[in-house]
Amino acid sequence: MALHSMRKARGCWRFIRALHKGSAAAPAPQKDSKKRIFSGIQPTGILHLGNYLGAIENWVSEHTQLSWILSCMVRLPRLQHLHQWKAKTTKQKHDGTGGLLTYPVLQAADILLYKSTHVPVGEDQVQHMELVQDLAEGFNKKYGEFFPVPKSVLTSMKKVKSLRDPSAKMSKSDPDKLATVRITDSPEEIVQKFRKAVTDFTSEVTYDPAGRAGVSNMVAVHAAVTGLSVEEVVRRSAGMDTAHYKLAVADAVIEKFAPIKREIEKLKLDKDHLEKVLQIGSAKAKELAYPVCQEVKKLETLKGL
């Protein structure tokens, strides 16, 4: 997962290792104008198109410590009511694990540990963010104002759908290799995946998510990678059949990924640099997380869970 900060004066996003200069000795309330934006993705697997268009951690022990404390503040029915839990357990024939059930609490700990003020999310994560907000408010009510209550920032590309099943979210764990476009895919692989993308039997390019989910997913991706509006993408695609349009979208994705892939290949040649970056990032994460976690444990000891 990757923690980002935004400095208002510069309007820039940085990884956690670039957050704040100097010591973070005390977790004082955030009274300045600085916003802290936390953006998280699963650290396993190869990043895909949805990760890139949505929002691109070094793990430290404080994450699991705060997760345990927060888990003592949330009721079991609340977690079982979450849409993703119900959807995934249904898919797994009601054989969901404890890790799956409590993952949203760990997610909340990830966010609150850095006193984040804003979190970019897709529409499928809004319910999890409501849990984060409730936990922050519940903690503050019991122990005094401590955590900022983070706000959801809905990204324009709310959810990138699977290329093989436009009713489902694009996922790194999808067993169908044609369903997910990975950042590391070759141009040929990207073209093949978009050529095989599920659309429908209507030839023209239109945007109708309810009636034409597959083609609409193509249009949404095209708009996101080019910076054009959905309306402009549809206008420019007038007269193009969906078979040729899918190749046009593939070309746009390839162009968007090209500089990223070049940088990836460059970095892969300098493993010492990558190790150093990871070490620095871990140290910065620890610098921010440790005092917050210590203060939480101090408050919990004084007043109890």
C-alpha atoms as a PDB file:
ATOM      1  CA  MET A   1       0.000   0.000   0.000  1.00  0.00           C
ATOM      2  CA  ALA A   2       1.226   3.516  -0.603  1.00  0.00           C
ATOM      3  CA  LEU A   3       0.737   6.485   1.673  1.00  0.00           C
ATOM      4  CA  HIS A   4       0.676   9.842   0.014  1.00  0.00           C
ATOM      5  CA  SER A   5       0.657  13.421   1.340  1.00  0.00           C
ATOM      6  CA  MET A   6      -0.487  16.571  -0.383  1.00  0.00           C
ATOM      7  CA  ARG A   7       1.086  19.911   0.435  1.00  0.00           C
ATOM      8  CA  LYS A   8      -1.483  22.612  -0.212  1.00  0.00           C
ATOM      9  CA  ALA A   9       1.113  25.105  -1.427  1.00  0.00           C
ATOM     10  CA  ARG A  10       2.477  22.769  -4.063  1.00  0.00           C
ATOM     11  CA  GLY A  11      -0.544  20.574  -4.715  1.00  0.00           C
ATOM     12  CA  CYS A  12       1.714  17.547  -5.153  1.00  0.00           C
ATOM     13  CA  TRP A  13       1.407  13.926  -4.102  1.00  0.00           C
ATOM     14  CA  ARG A  14       4.316  12.050  -2.569  1.00  0.00           C
ATOM     15  CA  PHE A  15       5.050   8.659  -1.116  1.00  0.00           C
ATOM     16  CA  ILE A  16       5.240   8.355   2.637  1.00  0.00           C
ATOM     17  CA  ARG A  17       9.011   8.459   2.562  1.00  0.00           C
ATOM     18  CA  ALA A  18       8.724  12.047   1.350  1.00  0.00           C
ATOM     19  CA  LEU A  19       6.254  13.087   4.039  1.00  0.00           C
ATOM     20  CA  HIS A  20       7.337  15.821   6.435  1.00  0.00           C
ATOM     21  CA  LYS A  21      10.872  16.785   7.293  1.00  0.00           C
ATOM     22  CA  GLY A  22      12.169  16.591  10.812  1.00  0.00           C
ATOM     23  CA  SER A  23      11.125  14.590  13.827  1.00  0.00           C
ATOM     24  CA  ALA A  24       7.626  13.340  14.559  1.00  0.00           C
ATOM     25  CA  ALA A  25       8.171  13.072  18.300  1.00  0.00           C
ATOM     26  CA  ALA A  26       4.609  13.800  19.387  1.00  0.00           C
ATOM     27  CA  PRO A  27       1.305  13.061  17.615  1.00  0.00           C
ATOM     28  CA  ALA A  28      -0.089  16.556  18.017  1.00  0.00           C
ATOM     29  CA  PRO A  29      -3.539  17.291  16.531  1.00  0.00           C
ATOM     30  CA  GLN A  30      -3.408  18.473  12.936  1.00  0.00           C
ATOM     31  CA  LYS A  31      -4.209  22.162  13.219  1.00  0.00           C
ATOM     32  CA  ASP A  32      -2.221  23.371  10.201  1.00  0.00           C
ATOM     33  CA  SER A  33      -3.432  23.591   6.627  1.00  0.00           C
ATOM     34  CA  LYS A  34      -1.631  20.455   5.545  1.00  0.00           C
ATOM     35  CA  LYS A  35      -3.816  17.684   4.240  1.00  0.00           C
ATOM     36  CA  ARG A  36      -2.673  14.091   4.452  1.00  0.00           C
ATOM     37  CA  ILE A  37      -3.964  11.794   1.739  1.00  0.00           C
ATOM     38  CA  PHE A  38      -3.770   8.045   2.255  1.00  0.00           C
ATOM     39  CA  SER A  39      -4.057   5.862  -0.789  1.00  0.00           C
ATOM     40  CA  GLY A  40      -3.812   2.109  -0.369  1.00  0.00           C
ATOM     41  CA  ILE A  41      -3.609  -0.943  -2.576  1.00  0.00           C
ATOM     42  CA  GLN A  42      -2.852  -4.549  -1.786  1.00  0.00           C
ATOM     43  CA  PRO A  43       0.933  -5.037  -1.751  1.00  0.00           C
ATOM     44  CA  THR A  44       0.707  -8.440  -3.446  1.00  0.00           C
ATOM     45  CA  GLY A  45       0.524  -9.173  -7.145  1.00  0.00           C
ATOM     46  CA  ILE A  46       1.282  -7.051 -10.186  1.00  0.00           C
ATOM     47  CA  LEU A  47      -0.415  -3.648 -10.381  1.00  0.00           C
ATOM     48  CA  HIS A  48      -3.130  -3.425 -13.017  1.00  0.00           C
ATOM     49  CA  LEU A  49      -5.024  -0.768 -14.921  1.00  0.00           C
ATOM     50  CA  GLY A  50      -7.609  -0.348 -12.166  1.00  0.00           C
ATOM     51  CA  ASN A  51      -4.904   0.238  -9.550  1.00  0.00           C
ATOM     52  CA  TYR A  52      -3.299   2.878 -11.744  1.00  0.00           C
ATOM     53  CA  LEU A  53      -6.511   4.736 -12.581  1.00  0.00           C
ATOM     54  CA  GLY A  54      -7.821   4.533  -9.033  1.00  0.00           C
ATOM     55  CA  ALA A  55      -4.936   5.248  -6.666  1.00  0.00           C
ATOM     56  CA  ILE A  56      -1.246   4.044  -6.540  1.00  0.00           C
ATOM     57  CA  GLU A  57       2.989   0.663   2.465  1.00  0.00           C
ATOM     58  CA  ASN A  58       5.651  -0.395   3.924  1.00  0.00           C
ATOM     59  CA  TRP A  59       4.303  -2.556   6.723  1.00  0.00           C
ATOM     60  CA  VAL A  60       5.297  -1.720  10.283  1.00  0.00           C
ATOM     61  CA  SER A  61       4.121  -3.447  13.447  1.00  0.00           C
ATOM     62  CA  GLU A  62       2.028  -0.453  14.510  1.00  0.00           C
ATOM     63  CA  HIS A  63      -0.529  -1.313  11.812  1.00  0.00           C
ATOM     64  CA  THR A  64      -1.463  -4.638  13.417  1.00  0.00           C
ATOM     65  CA  GLN A  65      -1.347  -3.167  16.933  1.00  0.00           C
ATOM     66  CA  LEU A  66      -3.839  -0.426  16.085  1.00  0.00           C
ATOM     67  CA  SER A  67      -5.933  -2.918  14.117  1.00  0.00           C
ATOM     68  CA  TRP A  68      -6.326  -5.062  17.248  1.00  0.00           C
ATOM     69  CA  ILE A  69      -7.397  -2.047  19.332  1.00  0.00           C
ATOM     70  CA  LEU A  70      -9.936  -0.953  16.715  1.00  0.00           C
ATOM     71  CA  SER A  71     -11.278  -4.502  16.355  1.00  0.00           C
ATOM     72  CA  CYS A  72     -12.246  -4.343  20.044  1.00  0.00           C
ATOM     73  CA  MET A  73     -14.434  -1.337  19.228  1.00  0.00           C
ATOM     74  CA  VAL A  74     -16.485  -2.798  16.384  1.00  0.00           C
ATOM     75  CA  ARG A  75     -19.377  -5.245  16.625  1.00  0.00           C
ATOM     76  CA  LEU A  76     -19.359  -8.488  14.633  1.00  0.00           C
ATOM     77  CA  PRO A  77     -22.709  -7.803  12.872  1.00  0.00           C
ATOM     78  CA  ARG A  78     -21.273  -4.531  11.529  1.00  0.00           C
ATOM     79  CA  LEU A  79     -18.475  -6.383   9.751  1.00  0.00           C
ATOM     80  CA  GLN A  80     -20.815  -9.102   8.516  1.00  0.00           C
ATOM     81  CA  HIS A  81     -23.078  -6.427   7.036  1.00  0.00           C
ATOM     82  CA  LEU A  82     -20.362  -5.049   4.737  1.00  0.00           C
ATOM     83  CA  HIS A  83     -21.174  -5.629   1.093  1.00  0.00           C
ATOM     84  CA  GLN A  84     -17.783  -7.031   0.100  1.00  0.00           C
ATOM     85  CA  TRP A  85     -17.911  -9.603   2.915  1.00  0.00           C
ATOM     86  CA  LYS A  86     -21.342 -10.771   1.837  1.00  0.00           C
ATOM     87  CA  ALA A  87     -20.403 -10.849  -1.842  1.00  0.00           C
ATOM     88  CA  LYS A  88     -17.137 -12.736  -1.358  1.00  0.00           C
ATOM     89  CA  THR A  89     -18.508 -15.246   1.132  1.00  0.00           C
ATOM     90  CA  THR A  90     -21.388 -15.962  -1.225  1.00  0.00           C
ATOM     91  CA  LYS A  91     -18.877 -16.557  -4.012  1.00  0.00           C
ATOM     92  CA  GLN A  92     -16.873 -18.818  -1.668  1.00  0.00           C
ATOM     93  CA  LYS A  93     -20.044 -20.715  -0.698  1.00  0.00           C
ATOM     94  CA  HIS A  94     -20.196 -19.083   2.735  1.00  0.00           C
ATOM     95  CA  ASP A  95     -16.692 -20.254   3.597  1.00  0.00           C
ATOM     96  CA  GLY A  96     -15.247 -16.803   4.393  1.00  0.00           C
ATOM     97  CA  THR A  97     -12.224 -16.540   6.673  1.00  0.00           C
ATOM     98  CA  GLY A  98     -11.593 -14.439   9.772  1.00  0.00           C
ATOM     99  CA  GLY A  99      -8.946 -12.540   7.852  1.00  0.00           C
ATOM    100  CA  LEU A 100     -11.457 -11.564   5.181  1.00  0.00           C
ATOM    101  CA  LEU A 101     -13.987 -10.505   7.819  1.00  0.00           C
ATOM    102  CA  THR A 102     -11.568  -8.297   9.765  1.00  0.00           C
ATOM    103  CA  TYR A 103      -9.637  -6.898   6.797  1.00  0.00           C
ATOM    104  CA  PRO A 104     -11.692  -3.641   6.785  1.00  0.00           C
ATOM    105  CA  VAL A 105     -10.538  -3.014  10.386  1.00  0.00           C
ATOM    106  CA  LEU A 106      -6.907  -3.396   9.324  1.00  0.00           C
ATOM    107  CA  GLN A 107      -7.681  -1.065   6.465  1.00  0.00           C
ATOM    108  CA  ALA A 108      -9.044   1.458   8.986  1.00  0.00           C
ATOM    109  CA  ALA A 109      -5.871   1.122  11.058  1.00  0.00           C
ATOM    110  CA  ASP A 110      -3.759   1.757   7.960  1.00  0.00           C
ATOM    111  CA  ILE A 111      -5.618   5.014   7.354  1.00  0.00           C
ATOM    112  CA  LEU A 112      -5.989   6.309  10.918  1.00  0.00           C
ATOM    113  CA  LEU A 113      -2.433   5.453  11.985  1.00  0.00           C
ATOM    114  CA  TYR A 114      -1.126   8.307   9.826  1.00  0.00           C
ATOM    115  CA  LYS A 115      -3.917  10.690  10.850  1.00  0.00           C
ATOM    116  CA  SER A 116      -5.054  10.854   7.253  1.00  0.00           C
ATOM    117  CA  THR A 117      -7.555  13.545   6.313  1.00  0.00           C
ATOM    118  CA  HIS A 118      -8.539  12.341   2.836  1.00  0.00           C
ATOM    119  CA  VAL A 119      -8.664   8.933   1.127  1.00  0.00           C
ATOM    120  CA  PRO A 120      -9.162   8.475  -2.643  1.00  0.00           C
ATOM    121  CA  VAL A 121     -11.604   5.596  -3.105  1.00  0.00           C
ATOM    122  CA  GLY A 122     -13.775   3.986  -5.715  1.00  0.00           C
ATOM    123  CA  GLU A 123     -17.477   3.533  -5.135  1.00  0.00           C
ATOM    124  CA  ASP A 124     -16.941  -0.061  -3.979  1.00  0.00           C
ATOM    125  CA  GLN A 125     -14.917   1.190  -0.990  1.00  0.00           C
ATOM    126  CA  VAL A 126     -17.331   3.870   0.254  1.00  0.00           C
ATOM    127  CA  GLN A 127     -18.906   1.491   2.785  1.00  0.00           C
ATOM    128  CA  HIS A 128     -15.468   0.607   4.175  1.00  0.00           C
ATOM    129  CA  MET A 129     -14.705   4.315   4.512  1.00  0.00           C
ATOM    130  CA  GLU A 130     -17.904   4.762   6.500  1.00  0.00           C
ATOM    131  CA  LEU A 131     -16.529   2.152   8.925  1.00  0.00           C
ATOM    132  CA  VAL A 132     -13.235   4.086   9.144  1.00  0.00           C
ATOM    133  CA  GLN A 133     -15.114   7.297   9.890  1.00  0.00           C
ATOM    134  CA  ASP A 134     -17.289   5.617  12.533  1.00  0.00           C
ATOM    135  CA  LEU A 135     -14.222   4.120  14.237  1.00  0.00           C
ATOM    136  CA  ALA A 136     -12.470   7.501  14.272  1.00  0.00           C
ATOM    137  CA  GLU A 137     -15.543   9.204  15.711  1.00  0.00           C
ATOM    138  CA  GLY A 138     -16.076   6.418  18.257  1.00  0.00           C
ATOM    139  CA  PHE A 139     -12.454   6.614  19.417  1.00  0.00           C
ATOM    140  CA  ASN A 140     -12.634  10.408  19.690  1.00  0.00           C
ATOM    141  CA  LYS A 141     -15.877  10.244  21.657  1.00  0.00           C
ATOM    142  CA  LYS A 142     -14.353   7.861  24.178  1.00  0.00           C
ATOM    143  CA  TYR A 143     -10.809   9.228  24.445  1.00  0.00           C
ATOM    144  CA  GLY A 144     -11.077  12.840  23.295  1.00  0.00           C
ATOM    145  CA  GLU A 145     -10.319  14.410  19.920  1.00  0.00           C
ATOM    146  CA  PHE A 146      -7.394  12.471  18.503  1.00  0.00           C
ATOM    147  CA  PHE A 147      -7.994  11.143  15.004  1.00  0.00           C
ATOM    148  CA  PRO A 148      -9.093  13.358  12.101  1.00  0.00           C
ATOM    149  CA  VAL A 149     -12.251  11.907  10.572  1.00  0.00           C
ATOM    150  CA  PRO A 150     -11.017  11.226   7.011  1.00  0.00           C
ATOM    151  CA  LYS A 151     -13.107  12.197   4.048  1.00  0.00           C
ATOM    152  CA  SER A 152     -13.653  10.042   0.999  1.00  0.00           C
ATOM    153  CA  VAL A 153     -12.429  11.472  -2.275  1.00  0.00           C
ATOM    154  CA  LEU A 154     -14.275   9.699  -5.066  1.00  0.00           C
ATOM    155  CA  THR A 155     -12.030   9.277  -8.077  1.00  0.00           C
ATOM    156  CA  SER A 156     -13.439  10.091 -11.506  1.00  0.00           C
ATOM    157  CA  MET A 157     -12.739   6.499 -12.544  1.00  0.00           C
ATOM    158  CA  LYS A 158     -14.826   4.943  -9.807  1.00  0.00           C
ATOM    159  CA  LYS A 159     -14.334   1.305 -10.781  1.00  0.00           C
ATOM    160  CA  VAL A 160     -12.481  -0.328 -13.648  1.00  0.00           C
ATOM    161  CA  LYS A 161     -14.395  -3.416 -14.689  1.00  0.00           C
ATOM    162  CA  SER A 162     -13.068  -6.794 -15.724  1.00  0.00           C
ATOM    163  CA  LEU A 163     -12.521  -7.078 -19.463  1.00  0.00           C
ATOM    164  CA  ARG A 164     -14.152 -10.520 -19.420  1.00  0.00           C
ATOM    165  CA  ASP A 165     -17.019  -9.759 -17.044  1.00  0.00           C
ATOM    166  CA  PRO A 166     -18.036  -6.074 -17.082  1.00  0.00           C
ATOM    167  CA  SER A 167     -20.301  -6.646 -14.082  1.00  0.00           C
ATOM    168  CA  ALA A 168     -17.239  -7.376 -11.899  1.00  0.00           C
ATOM    169  CA  LYS A 169     -14.322  -5.251 -10.759  1.00  0.00           C
ATOM    170  CA  MET A 170     -10.929  -5.706 -12.406  1.00  0.00           C
ATOM    171  CA  SER A 171      -8.837  -7.753  -9.981  1.00  0.00           C
ATOM    172  CA  LYS A 172      -5.241  -8.925  -9.674  1.00  0.00           C
ATOM    173  CA  SER A 173      -6.513 -12.273  -8.384  1.00  0.00           C
ATOM    174  CA  ASP A 174      -8.861 -12.969 -11.298  1.00  0.00           C
ATOM    175  CA  PRO A 175      -8.090 -16.494 -12.596  1.00  0.00           C
ATOM    176  CA  ASP A 176      -8.915 -15.397 -16.134  1.00  0.00           C
ATOM    177  CA  LYS A 177      -5.674 -13.866 -17.401  1.00  0.00           C
ATOM    178  CA  LEU A 178      -7.520 -11.992 -20.124  1.00  0.00           C
ATOM    179  CA  ALA A 179      -9.669 -10.135 -17.591  1.00  0.00           C
ATOM    180  CA  THR A 180      -6.975  -7.888 -16.129  1.00  0.00           C
ATOM    181  CA  VAL A 181      -4.587  -5.457 -17.820  1.00  0.00           C
ATOM    182  CA  ARG A 182      -1.341  -5.346 -15.863  1.00  0.00           C
ATOM    183  CA  ILE A 183       1.051  -2.419 -15.975  1.00  0.00           C
ATOM    184  CA  THR A 184       3.849  -4.822 -16.919  1.00  0.00           C
ATOM    185  CA  ASP A 185       1.955  -6.358 -19.845  1.00  0.00           C
ATOM    186  CA  SER A 186       3.626  -6.103 -23.237  1.00  0.00           C
ATOM    187  CA  PRO A 187       1.871  -4.106 -25.998  1.00  0.00           C
ATOM    188  CA  GLU A 188       0.972  -7.388 -27.674  1.00  0.00           C
ATOM    189  CA  GLU A 189      -0.610  -8.732 -24.480  1.00  0.00           C
ATOM    190  CA  ILE A 190      -2.602  -5.534 -23.992  1.00  0.00           C
ATOM    191  CA  VAL A 191      -3.903  -5.661 -27.563  1.00  0.00           C
ATOM    192  CA  GLN A 192      -4.912  -9.307 -27.128  1.00  0.00           C
ATOM    193  CA  LYS A 193      -6.786  -8.591 -23.895  1.00  0.00           C
ATOM    194  CA  PHE A 194      -8.735  -5.681 -25.348  1.00  0.00           C
ATOM    195  CA  ARG A 195      -9.474  -7.637 -28.530  1.00  0.00           C
ATOM    196  CA  LYS A 196     -10.978 -10.398 -26.362  1.00  0.00           C
ATOM    197  CA  ALA A 197     -12.828  -7.935 -24.108  1.00  0.00           C
ATOM    198  CA  VAL A 198     -16.532  -8.693 -23.709  1.00  0.00           C
ATOM    199  CA  THR A 199     -18.825  -6.130 -25.327  1.00  0.00           C
ATOM    200  CA  ASP A 200     -22.084  -6.942 -27.159  1.00  0.00           C
ATOM    201  CA  PHE A 201     -23.554  -7.441 -30.624  1.00  0.00           C
ATOM    202  CA  THR A 202     -24.249  -3.745 -31.273  1.00  0.00           C
ATOM    203  CA  SER A 203     -21.523  -2.270 -33.438  1.00  0.00           C
ATOM    204  CA  GLU A 204     -21.557   1.458 -32.582  1.00  0.00           C
ATOM    205  CA  VAL A 205     -19.720   3.049 -29.654  1.00  0.00           C
ATOM    206  CA  THR A 206     -22.055   4.473 -26.994  1.00  0.00           C
ATOM    207  CA  TYR A 207     -21.935   5.058 -23.251  1.00  0.00           C
ATOM    208  CA  ASP A 208     -24.742   3.292 -21.407  1.00  0.00           C
ATOM    209  CA  PRO A 209     -23.401   1.517 -18.271  1.00  0.00           C
ATOM    210  CA  ALA A 210     -26.772  -0.046 -17.459  1.00  0.00           C
ATOM    211  CA  GLY A 211     -27.579  -1.266 -20.957  1.00  0.00           C
ATOM    212  CA  ARG A 212     -24.129  -1.753 -22.504  1.00  0.00           C
ATOM    213  CA  ALA A 213     -21.727  -2.455 -19.641  1.00  0.00           C
ATOM    214  CA  GLY A 214     -18.887  -3.854 -21.746  1.00  0.00           C
ATOM    215  CA  VAL A 215     -18.664  -1.047 -24.296  1.00  0.00           C
ATOM    216  CA  SER A 216     -19.208   1.530 -21.546  1.00  0.00           C
ATOM    217  CA  ASN A 217     -16.231   0.071 -19.677  1.00  0.00           C
ATOM    218  CA  MET A 218     -14.129   0.570 -22.824  1.00  0.00           C
ATOM    219  CA  VAL A 219     -15.302   4.184 -23.084  1.00  0.00           C
ATOM    220  CA  ALA A 220     -14.619   4.875 -19.395  1.00  0.00           C
ATOM    221  CA  VAL A 221     -11.086   3.464 -19.654  1.00  0.00           C
ATOM    222  CA  HIS A 222     -10.455   5.392 -22.859  1.00  0.00           C
ATOM    223  CA  ALA A 223     -11.608   8.630 -21.242  1.00  0.00           C
ATOM    224  CA  ALA A 224      -9.491   8.029 -18.146  1.00  0.00           C
ATOM    225  CA  VAL A 225      -6.207   7.321 -19.950  1.00  0.00           C
ATOM    226  CA  THR A 226      -6.597  10.153 -22.454  1.00  0.00           C
ATOM    227  CA  GLY A 227      -8.027  12.805 -20.126  1.00  0.00           C
ATOM    228  CA  LEU A 228     -10.995  13.333 -22.409  1.00  0.00           C
ATOM    229  CA  SER A 229     -14.596  13.428 -21.242  1.00  0.00           C
ATOM    230  CA  VAL A 230     -16.830  10.434 -21.897  1.00  0.00           C
ATOM    231  CA  GLU A 231     -18.903  12.580 -24.231  1.00  0.00           C
ATOM    232  CA  GLU A 232     -15.842  13.615 -26.243  1.00  0.00           C
ATOM    233  CA  VAL A 233     -14.619  10.021 -26.501  1.00  0.00           C
ATOM    234  CA  VAL A 234     -17.998   8.918 -27.850  1.00  0.00           C
ATOM    235  CA  ARG A 235     -18.096  11.853 -30.296  1.00  0.00           C
ATOM    236  CA  ARG A 236     -14.617  11.054 -31.652  1.00  0.00           C
ATOM    237  CA  SER A 237     -15.519   7.392 -32.014  1.00  0.00           C
ATOM    238  CA  ALA A 238     -18.573   8.026 -34.183  1.00  0.00           C
ATOM    239  CA  GLY A 239     -18.654   5.675 -37.158  1.00  0.00           C
ATOM    240  CA  MET A 240     -16.177   3.232 -35.588  1.00  0.00           C
ATOM    241  CA  ASP A 241     -17.330  -0.308 -34.913  1.00  0.00           C
ATOM    242  CA  THR A 242     -16.614  -1.855 -31.521  1.00  0.00           C
ATOM    243  CA  ALA A 243     -13.999  -4.293 -32.856  1.00  0.00           C
ATOM    244  CA  HIS A 244     -11.820  -1.437 -34.146  1.00  0.00           C
ATOM    245  CA  TYR A 245     -12.679   0.725 -31.146  1.00  0.00           C
ATOM    246  CA  LYS A 246     -11.301  -1.868 -28.723  1.00  0.00           C
ATOM    247  CA  LEU A 247      -7.971  -1.681 -30.554  1.00  0.00           C
ATOM    248  CA  ALA A 248      -8.036   2.116 -30.280  1.00  0.00           C
ATOM    249  CA  VAL A 249      -8.516   1.823 -26.517  1.00  0.00           C
ATOM    250  CA  ALA A 250      -5.661  -0.683 -26.351  1.00  0.00           C
ATOM    251  CA  ASP A 251      -3.370   1.766 -28.183  1.00  0.00           C
ATOM    252  CA  ALA A 252      -4.310   4.539 -25.734  1.00  0.00           C
ATOM    253  CA  VAL A 253      -3.525   2.302 -22.749  1.00  0.00           C
ATOM    254  CA  ILE A 254      -0.209   1.238 -24.288  1.00  0.00           C
ATOM    255  CA  GLU A 255       0.730   4.887 -24.806  1.00  0.00           C
ATOM    256  CA  LYS A 256      -0.213   5.745 -21.227  1.00  0.00           C
ATOM    257  CA  PHE A 257       1.788   2.865 -19.767  1.00  0.00           C
ATOM    258  CA  ALA A 258       4.879   3.350 -21.956  1.00  0.00           C
ATOM    259  CA  PRO A 259       6.801   5.845 -19.738  1.00  0.00           C
ATOM    260  CA  ILE A 260       5.862   3.892 -16.625  1.00  0.00           C
ATOM    261  CA  LYS A 261       7.169   0.657 -18.107  1.00  0.00           C
ATOM    262  CA  ARG A 262      10.407   2.358 -19.167  1.00  0.00           C
ATOM    263  CA  GLU A 263      10.924   3.585 -15.603  1.00  0.00           C
ATOM    264  CA  ILE A 264      10.144   0.133 -14.194  1.00  0.00           C
ATOM    265  CA  GLU A 265      12.758  -1.456 -16.443  1.00  0.00           C
ATOM    266  CA  LYS A 266      15.270   1.217 -15.461  1.00  0.00           C
ATOM    267  CA  LEU A 267      14.668   0.702 -11.743  1.00  0.00           C
ATOM    268  CA  LYS A 268      14.865  -3.083 -12.022  1.00  0.00           C
ATOM    269  CA  LEU A 269      18.493  -2.678 -13.109  1.00  0.00           C
ATOM    270  CA  ASP A 270      19.382  -0.863  -9.859  1.00  0.00           C
ATOM    271  CA  LYS A 271      18.386  -3.239  -7.047  1.00  0.00           C
ATOM    272  CA  ASP A 272      20.579  -1.447  -4.501  1.00  0.00           C
ATOM    273  CA  HIS A 273      18.598   1.733  -5.111  1.00  0.00           C
ATOM    274  CA  LEU A 274      15.297  -0.110  -4.691  1.00  0.00           C
ATOM    275  CA  GLU A 275      16.445  -1.637  -1.400  1.00  0.00           C
ATOM    276  CA  LYS A 276      17.486   1.804  -0.187  1.00  0.00           C
ATOM    277  CA  VAL A 277      14.134   3.303  -1.157  1.00  0.00           C
ATOM    278  CA  LEU A 278      12.304   0.550   0.743  1.00  0.00           C
ATOM    279  CA  GLN A 279      14.468   1.082   3.829  1.00  0.00           C
ATOM    280  CA  ILE A 280      13.954   4.848   3.773  1.00  0.00           C
ATOM    281  CA  GLY A 281      10.230   4.415   3.216  1.00  0.00           C
ATOM    282  CA  SER A 282       9.959   1.962   6.112  1.00  0.00           C
ATOM    283  CA  ALA A 283      11.862   4.345   8.400  1.00  0.00           C
ATOM    284  CA  LYS A 284       9.586   7.262   7.451  1.00  0.00           C
ATOM    285  CA  ALA A 285       6.491   5.136   8.014  1.00  0.00           C
ATOM    286  CA  LYS A 286       7.813   4.120  11.438  1.00  0.00           C
ATOM    287  CA  GLU A 287       8.602   7.743  12.263  1.00  0.00           C
ATOM    288  CA  LEU A 288       4.992   8.728  11.670  1.00  0.00           C
ATOM    289  CA  ALA A 289       3.265   5.614  12.982  1.00  0.00           C
ATOM    290  CA  TYR A 290       5.173   4.889  16.203  1.00  0.00           C
ATOM    291  CA  PRO A 291       4.226   8.029  18.213  1.00  0.00           C
ATOM    292  CA  VAL A 292       0.578   7.775  17.150  1.00  0.00           C
ATOM    293  CA  CYS A 293       0.373   4.124  18.177  1.00  0.00           C
ATOM    294  CA  GLN A 294       2.088   4.838  21.501  1.00  0.00           C
ATOM    295  CA  GLU A 295      -0.367   7.620  22.295  1.00  0.00           C
ATOM    296  CA  VAL A 296      -3.310   5.376  21.392  1.00  0.00           C
ATOM    297  CA  LYS A 297      -2.030   2.669  23.753  1.00  0.00           C
ATOM    298  CA  LYS A 298      -1.494   5.288  26.471  1.00  0.00           C
ATOM    299  CA  LEU A 299      -5.075   6.517  26.122  1.00  0.00           C
ATOM    300  CA  GLU A 300      -6.391   2.966  26.065  1.00  0.00           C
ATOM    301  CA  THR A 301      -4.441   2.106  29.227  1.00  0.00           C
ATOM    302  CA  LEU A 302      -5.772   5.155  31.060  1.00  0.00           C
ATOM    303  CA  LYS A 303      -9.430   4.661  30.114  1.00  0.00           C
ATOM    304  CA  GLY A 304      -9.566   1.053  28.968  1.00  0.00           C
ATOM    305  CA  LEU A 305     -11.326  -0.428  25.941  1.00  0.00           C
END
